[in-house]
């Protein structure tokens, strides 16, 4: 029934086009109907429309490939009408082809968490507000998806087909594991539950995580840190220990803020050093060792008293 209704509508629309291309005047209402039908045909595409569109395109093209037995004069306006119909069908067919074969699949968690089951067996739990984009070629030799917002990934294992999540300004590469990606404004992080992952971001070296480790940029571009996460048995509180920290052309003020927060220290420094750009890599060092290195980069002396580090010329 739906198919018959569609054919009747199409016939009516083609008559309007025939009048239009023959320069016969059509009313504003008829012109509006033409526009509405075109918009509707592009929006409400389904399998039935796809099949019918294919049949109509092939049928229209037969005129160009089958030699006619009898030559019948075709008036100019009819030729234009047929051409318009073929162009329309080809354009709709092109839209159908793009929608079916090339347009990426997009999944959005609008009101709450949403699970997405990928073709390779991986499962993605999108947290509220997140959006996942998957290319139609997935899974290819490299499994790539794009993420906006927060999500937990349980990736099907494959030693030969890496799984890459491209997020805002950083990417996470795995072979098979469970991890969570969080994105809140400029603050980005990857929390690994099991397996191994490699995290890369603009302006920083690649960071490799082990289970119960977290990569973060602390909301500062060109910054990367790896934290070890442990949970206290009695309190159930989670503690974070800084394992590595790197900055690439970051203002000293931002560097000092990160070090103060993570080492539970206070840094006193000359105001003129606040906007100086710092490039440094602190790996495995203590607060004392890293503050000494930072003072050396700035060409300053460091003096410690309790948990207060004072930088002076």
Protein backbone atom coordinates (compact mmCIF):
# COMPACT_ATOMS: atom_id res chain seq x y z
CA UNK A 1 0.00 0.00 0.00
CA UNK A 2 2.82 2.33 0.90
CA UNK A 3 4.53 1.52 -2.40
CA UNK A 4 1.41 2.37 -4.44
CA UNK A 5 0.99 5.63 -2.54
CA UNK A 6 4.58 6.51 -3.26
CA UNK A 7 4.16 5.82 -7.00
CA UNK A 8 1.04 7.99 -7.21
CA UNK A 9 2.85 10.83 -5.45
CA UNK A 10 5.83 10.48 -7.76
CA UNK A 11 3.59 10.57 -10.85
CA UNK A 12 1.93 13.75 -9.61
CA UNK A 13 5.31 15.36 -8.93
CA UNK A 14 6.64 14.42 -12.38
CA UNK A 15 3.62 16.10 -13.97
CA UNK A 16 4.42 19.27 -12.06
CA UNK A 17 8.02 19.09 -13.28
CA UNK A 18 6.86 18.56 -16.84
CA UNK A 19 4.82 21.76 -16.59
CA UNK A 20 7.72 23.62 -15.00
CA UNK A 21 10.37 22.68 -17.60
CA UNK A 22 7.96 23.45 -20.44
CA UNK A 23 7.81 26.96 -18.96
CA UNK A 24 4.14 26.56 -18.14
CA UNK A 25 3.28 28.73 -15.18
CA UNK A 26 2.82 26.91 -11.86
CA UNK A 27 1.35 28.34 -8.69
CA UNK A 28 3.25 29.12 -5.50
CA UNK A 29 1.43 26.24 -3.81
CA UNK A 30 2.58 23.78 -6.51
CA UNK A 31 6.14 25.09 -6.25
CA UNK A 32 5.97 24.57 -2.49
CA UNK A 33 4.75 20.99 -3.01
CA UNK A 34 7.74 20.28 -5.26
CA UNK A 35 10.15 21.52 -2.58
CA UNK A 36 8.38 19.58 0.19
CA UNK A 37 8.47 16.34 -1.82
CA UNK A 38 12.20 16.73 -2.54
CA UNK A 39 12.98 17.36 1.15
CA UNK A 40 10.78 14.44 2.22
CA UNK A 41 12.39 12.05 -0.30
CA UNK A 42 15.85 12.89 1.04
CA UNK A 43 14.82 12.60 4.70
CA UNK A 44 12.60 9.53 4.81
CA UNK A 45 14.78 7.05 2.99
CA UNK A 46 14.05 3.37 3.61
CA UNK A 47 14.66 0.04 1.90
CA UNK A 48 11.47 0.24 -0.17
CA UNK A 49 12.42 3.69 -1.46
CA UNK A 50 15.90 2.44 -2.23
CA UNK A 51 14.56 -0.48 -4.27
CA UNK A 52 12.05 1.63 -6.14
CA UNK A 53 14.64 4.34 -6.81
CA UNK A 54 17.01 1.78 -8.29
CA UNK A 55 14.28 0.34 -10.51
CA UNK A 56 13.24 3.78 -11.76
CA UNK A 57 16.83 4.80 -12.49
CA UNK A 58 17.48 1.64 -14.50
CA UNK A 59 14.19 2.01 -16.31
CA UNK A 60 14.95 5.63 -17.23
CA UNK A 61 18.44 4.76 -18.44
CA UNK A 62 17.17 2.02 -20.77
CA UNK A 63 16.18 4.73 -23.25
CA UNK A 64 19.88 5.55 -23.68
CA UNK A 65 21.11 1.98 -24.21
CA UNK A 66 18.34 0.18 -26.15
CA UNK A 67 17.98 1.04 -29.82
CA UNK A 68 14.38 2.10 -30.49
CA UNK A 69 12.44 0.17 -33.16
CA UNK A 70 10.46 3.18 -34.27
CA UNK A 71 11.59 6.76 -34.13
CA UNK A 72 8.99 9.06 -32.61
CA UNK A 73 9.51 12.81 -32.49
CA UNK A 74 9.97 14.12 -28.99
CA UNK A 75 8.92 17.67 -28.37
CA UNK A 76 11.49 19.83 -26.61
CA UNK A 77 9.52 20.23 -23.42
CA UNK A 78 9.07 16.45 -23.12
CA UNK A 79 12.81 15.90 -23.57
CA UNK A 80 13.48 18.37 -20.78
CA UNK A 81 10.89 16.69 -18.59
CA UNK A 82 12.47 13.25 -19.11
CA UNK A 83 15.93 14.69 -18.48
CA UNK A 84 14.70 16.35 -15.29
CA UNK A 85 13.17 13.07 -14.13
CA UNK A 86 16.39 11.12 -14.81
CA UNK A 87 18.49 13.77 -13.05
CA UNK A 88 16.16 13.65 -10.06
CA UNK A 89 16.30 9.87 -9.88
CA UNK A 90 20.07 9.87 -10.19
CA UNK A 91 20.38 12.50 -7.48
CA UNK A 92 18.06 10.58 -5.16
CA UNK A 93 19.96 7.40 -6.03
CA UNK A 94 23.20 9.17 -5.16
CA UNK A 95 21.79 10.21 -1.82
CA UNK A 96 20.65 6.65 -1.18
CA UNK A 97 24.08 5.31 -2.12
CA UNK A 98 25.82 7.78 0.19
CA UNK A 99 23.44 7.03 3.05
CA UNK A 100 23.82 3.28 2.61
CA UNK A 101 27.51 2.88 1.87
CA UNK A 102 29.45 6.01 2.87
CA UNK A 103 27.66 7.96 5.59
CA UNK A 104 29.14 7.19 9.05
CA UNK A 105 26.95 5.71 11.78
CA UNK A 106 26.45 8.09 14.70
CA UNK A 107 25.27 6.98 18.15
CA UNK A 108 24.25 9.50 20.81
CA UNK A 109 23.42 9.02 24.50
CA UNK A 110 20.86 11.80 24.84
CA UNK A 111 19.03 11.06 28.08
CA UNK A 112 21.21 8.46 29.81
CA UNK A 113 23.91 5.82 29.27
CA UNK A 114 23.72 3.88 26.02
CA UNK A 115 25.46 0.66 24.96
CA UNK A 116 26.72 0.35 21.40
CA UNK A 117 27.70 -3.06 20.02
CA UNK A 118 30.27 -2.79 17.23
CA UNK A 119 30.76 -5.22 14.35
CA UNK A 120 34.06 -6.56 15.74
CA UNK A 121 32.47 -7.57 19.05
CA UNK A 122 33.59 -4.49 20.98
CA UNK A 123 31.09 -2.84 23.32
CA UNK A 124 31.02 0.90 23.98
CA UNK A 125 29.03 2.36 26.86
CA UNK A 126 28.32 5.98 26.04
CA UNK A 127 27.75 8.14 29.10
CA UNK A 128 25.03 10.79 29.01
CA UNK A 129 25.66 13.41 26.32
CA UNK A 130 28.37 11.40 24.53
CA UNK A 131 28.47 10.77 20.79
CA UNK A 132 30.25 7.95 18.91
CA UNK A 133 30.91 8.03 15.16
CA UNK A 134 31.76 4.79 13.34
CA UNK A 135 32.80 4.66 9.69
CA UNK A 136 30.93 2.16 7.44
CA UNK A 137 34.28 0.47 6.67
CA UNK A 138 34.62 -0.56 10.34
CA UNK A 139 36.22 -2.94 11.19
CA UNK A 140 39.06 -2.39 8.72
CA UNK A 141 42.75 -3.25 9.17
CA UNK A 142 42.78 -0.48 11.78
CA UNK A 143 39.60 -0.07 13.81
CA UNK A 144 38.97 3.67 14.19
CA UNK A 145 36.10 5.44 15.91
CA UNK A 146 35.53 9.08 16.93
CA UNK A 147 34.26 10.11 20.35
CA UNK A 148 32.75 13.25 21.81
CA UNK A 149 32.16 13.19 25.55
CA UNK A 150 32.72 10.28 27.95
CA UNK A 151 32.56 6.54 27.29
CA UNK A 152 33.75 3.16 28.58
CA UNK A 153 35.25 0.82 25.95
CA UNK A 154 35.44 -2.96 26.14
CA UNK A 155 37.48 -3.72 23.03
CA UNK A 156 37.52 -7.13 21.34
CA UNK A 157 41.09 -8.41 21.27
CA UNK A 158 43.05 -8.49 18.02
CA UNK A 159 46.85 -8.57 17.75
CA UNK A 160 46.77 -7.49 14.11
CA UNK A 161 43.97 -4.89 14.09
CA UNK A 162 44.60 -1.97 16.47
CA UNK A 163 41.58 -0.13 17.87
CA UNK A 164 41.94 3.66 17.93
CA UNK A 165 39.61 6.12 19.62
CA UNK A 166 40.03 9.65 18.30
CA UNK A 167 38.85 12.23 20.82
CA UNK A 168 39.20 16.00 21.14
CA UNK A 169 42.94 16.67 20.76
CA UNK A 170 44.15 13.18 21.76
CA UNK A 171 43.79 9.54 20.75
CA UNK A 172 43.93 6.16 22.50
CA UNK A 173 45.32 3.06 20.79
CA UNK A 174 44.68 -0.49 22.02
CA UNK A 175 44.72 -4.11 20.84
CA UNK A 176 42.04 -5.29 23.24
CA UNK A 177 41.22 -3.94 26.67
CA UNK A 178 38.78 -2.09 28.95
CA UNK A 179 39.21 1.62 29.55
CA UNK A 180 37.28 4.84 30.10
CA UNK A 181 37.73 8.12 28.24
CA UNK A 182 36.57 11.33 29.93
CA UNK A 183 36.33 14.77 28.31
CA UNK A 184 35.13 17.79 30.26
CA UNK A 185 35.99 21.05 28.56
CA UNK A 186 39.78 21.16 28.21
CA UNK A 187 40.22 18.42 30.85
CA UNK A 188 40.94 15.06 29.16
CA UNK A 189 41.71 11.67 30.71
CA UNK A 190 41.98 7.94 30.01
CA UNK A 191 41.49 5.46 32.87
CA UNK A 192 42.72 1.92 32.14
CA UNK A 193 41.01 -1.03 33.89
CA UNK A 194 42.69 -3.97 32.13
CA UNK A 195 45.13 -4.60 29.28
CA UNK A 196 47.40 -1.91 27.86
CA UNK A 197 46.83 1.34 25.97
CA UNK A 198 48.94 4.03 24.33
CA UNK A 199 47.71 7.61 24.62
CA UNK A 200 48.96 10.37 22.37
CA UNK A 201 48.05 14.04 22.37
CA UNK A 202 49.15 17.11 20.47
CA UNK A 203 52.56 18.39 21.59
CA UNK A 204 53.40 15.51 23.98
CA UNK A 205 55.12 12.14 23.84
CA UNK A 206 53.10 8.91 23.76
CA UNK A 207 52.16 7.62 27.22
CA UNK A 208 51.76 3.88 27.89
CA UNK A 209 49.32 2.82 30.60
CA UNK A 210 49.05 -0.32 32.69
CA UNK A 211 45.92 -1.41 34.60
CA UNK A 212 44.79 1.01 37.32
CA UNK A 213 46.68 3.86 35.74
CA UNK A 214 45.29 7.10 34.38
CA UNK A 215 46.49 9.51 31.72
CA UNK A 216 45.43 13.15 32.02
CA UNK A 217 46.33 16.61 30.74
CA UNK A 218 44.95 18.39 33.85
CA UNK A 219 43.00 20.62 31.46
CA UNK A 220 46.20 22.18 30.06
CA UNK A 221 47.18 21.82 26.37
CA UNK A 222 50.59 20.24 25.64
CA UNK A 223 50.57 18.57 29.06
CA UNK A 224 50.60 14.85 29.87
CA UNK A 225 50.70 12.97 33.16
CA UNK A 226 50.38 9.34 34.22
CA UNK A 227 48.92 8.58 37.64
CA UNK A 228 48.85 5.31 39.57
CA UNK A 229 45.44 4.76 41.18
CA UNK A 230 44.97 2.71 44.35
CA UNK A 231 41.99 2.24 46.64
CA UNK A 232 42.41 2.18 50.42
CA UNK A 233 40.79 -0.89 51.96
CA UNK A 234 39.49 0.80 55.10
CA UNK A 235 38.13 4.05 53.72
CA UNK A 236 37.50 2.99 50.14
CA UNK A 237 39.05 6.28 49.06
CA UNK A 238 41.02 6.35 45.82
CA UNK A 239 44.56 7.71 45.99
CA UNK A 240 46.56 8.95 43.02
CA UNK A 241 50.34 8.89 42.78
CA UNK A 242 52.09 10.89 40.07
CA UNK A 243 54.33 8.62 37.96
CA UNK A 244 55.29 10.94 35.12
CA UNK A 245 54.65 14.51 34.13
CA UNK A 246 55.63 16.40 30.98
CA UNK A 247 55.09 19.91 29.64
CA UNK A 248 55.78 21.23 26.17
CA UNK A 249 55.84 25.05 25.92
CA UNK A 250 53.53 25.61 28.89
CA UNK A 251 53.49 28.74 31.08
CA UNK A 252 55.33 28.42 34.39
CA UNK A 253 52.18 29.46 36.27
CA UNK A 254 50.31 26.44 34.90
CA UNK A 255 53.27 24.16 35.62
CA UNK A 256 53.43 25.43 39.21
CA UNK A 257 49.67 24.93 39.69
CA UNK A 258 49.91 21.28 38.57
CA UNK A 259 52.93 20.53 40.77
CA UNK A 260 51.38 22.21 43.82
CA UNK A 261 48.16 20.19 43.45
CA UNK A 262 49.86 16.83 42.90
CA UNK A 263 52.76 17.08 45.32
CA UNK A 264 50.74 18.90 48.02
CA UNK A 265 53.30 21.68 48.17
CA UNK A 266 53.38 25.47 47.85
CA UNK A 267 55.62 27.25 45.36
CA UNK A 268 56.61 30.88 45.80
CA UNK A 269 58.16 32.51 42.73
CA UNK A 270 58.85 35.97 41.20
CA UNK A 271 55.84 37.40 39.31
CA UNK A 272 57.88 37.94 36.15
CA UNK A 273 58.40 34.17 35.77
CA UNK A 274 54.65 33.40 35.64
CA UNK A 275 54.36 33.61 31.84
CA UNK A 276 57.70 32.05 30.98
CA UNK A 277 57.28 28.99 28.75
CA UNK A 278 58.45 25.66 30.18
CA UNK A 279 59.35 22.43 28.38
CA UNK A 280 60.26 19.67 30.81
CA UNK A 281 59.82 15.95 31.45
CA UNK A 282 59.58 14.79 35.07
CA UNK A 283 59.56 10.99 35.35
CA UNK A 284 59.84 9.08 38.60
CA UNK A 285 61.40 11.96 40.52
CA UNK A 286 60.44 13.19 43.98
CA UNK A 287 59.05 16.66 44.65
CA UNK A 288 62.53 17.81 45.79
CA UNK A 289 64.23 16.48 42.65
CA UNK A 290 61.64 17.91 40.28
CA UNK A 291 61.66 21.32 41.96
CA UNK A 292 65.46 21.41 41.64
CA UNK A 293 65.14 20.63 37.93
CA UNK A 294 62.46 23.28 37.48
CA UNK A 295 64.59 25.92 39.23
CA UNK A 296 67.54 25.02 36.98
CA UNK A 297 65.38 25.51 33.85
CA UNK A 298 64.37 28.97 35.11
CA UNK A 299 67.89 29.90 36.17
CA UNK A 300 66.77 30.36 39.77
CA UNK A 301 67.74 29.05 43.19
CA UNK A 302 65.29 26.98 45.23
CA UNK A 303 64.94 27.03 49.00
CA UNK A 304 62.73 24.60 50.90
CA UNK A 305 61.09 25.07 54.27
CA UNK A 306 58.61 22.38 55.31
CA UNK A 307 56.34 22.01 52.25
CA UNK A 308 57.10 25.49 50.85
CA UNK A 309 59.51 25.89 47.93
CA UNK A 310 60.77 29.43 47.28
CA UNK A 311 62.37 30.27 43.94
CA UNK A 312 64.78 33.22 43.95
CA UNK A 313 67.34 34.80 41.65
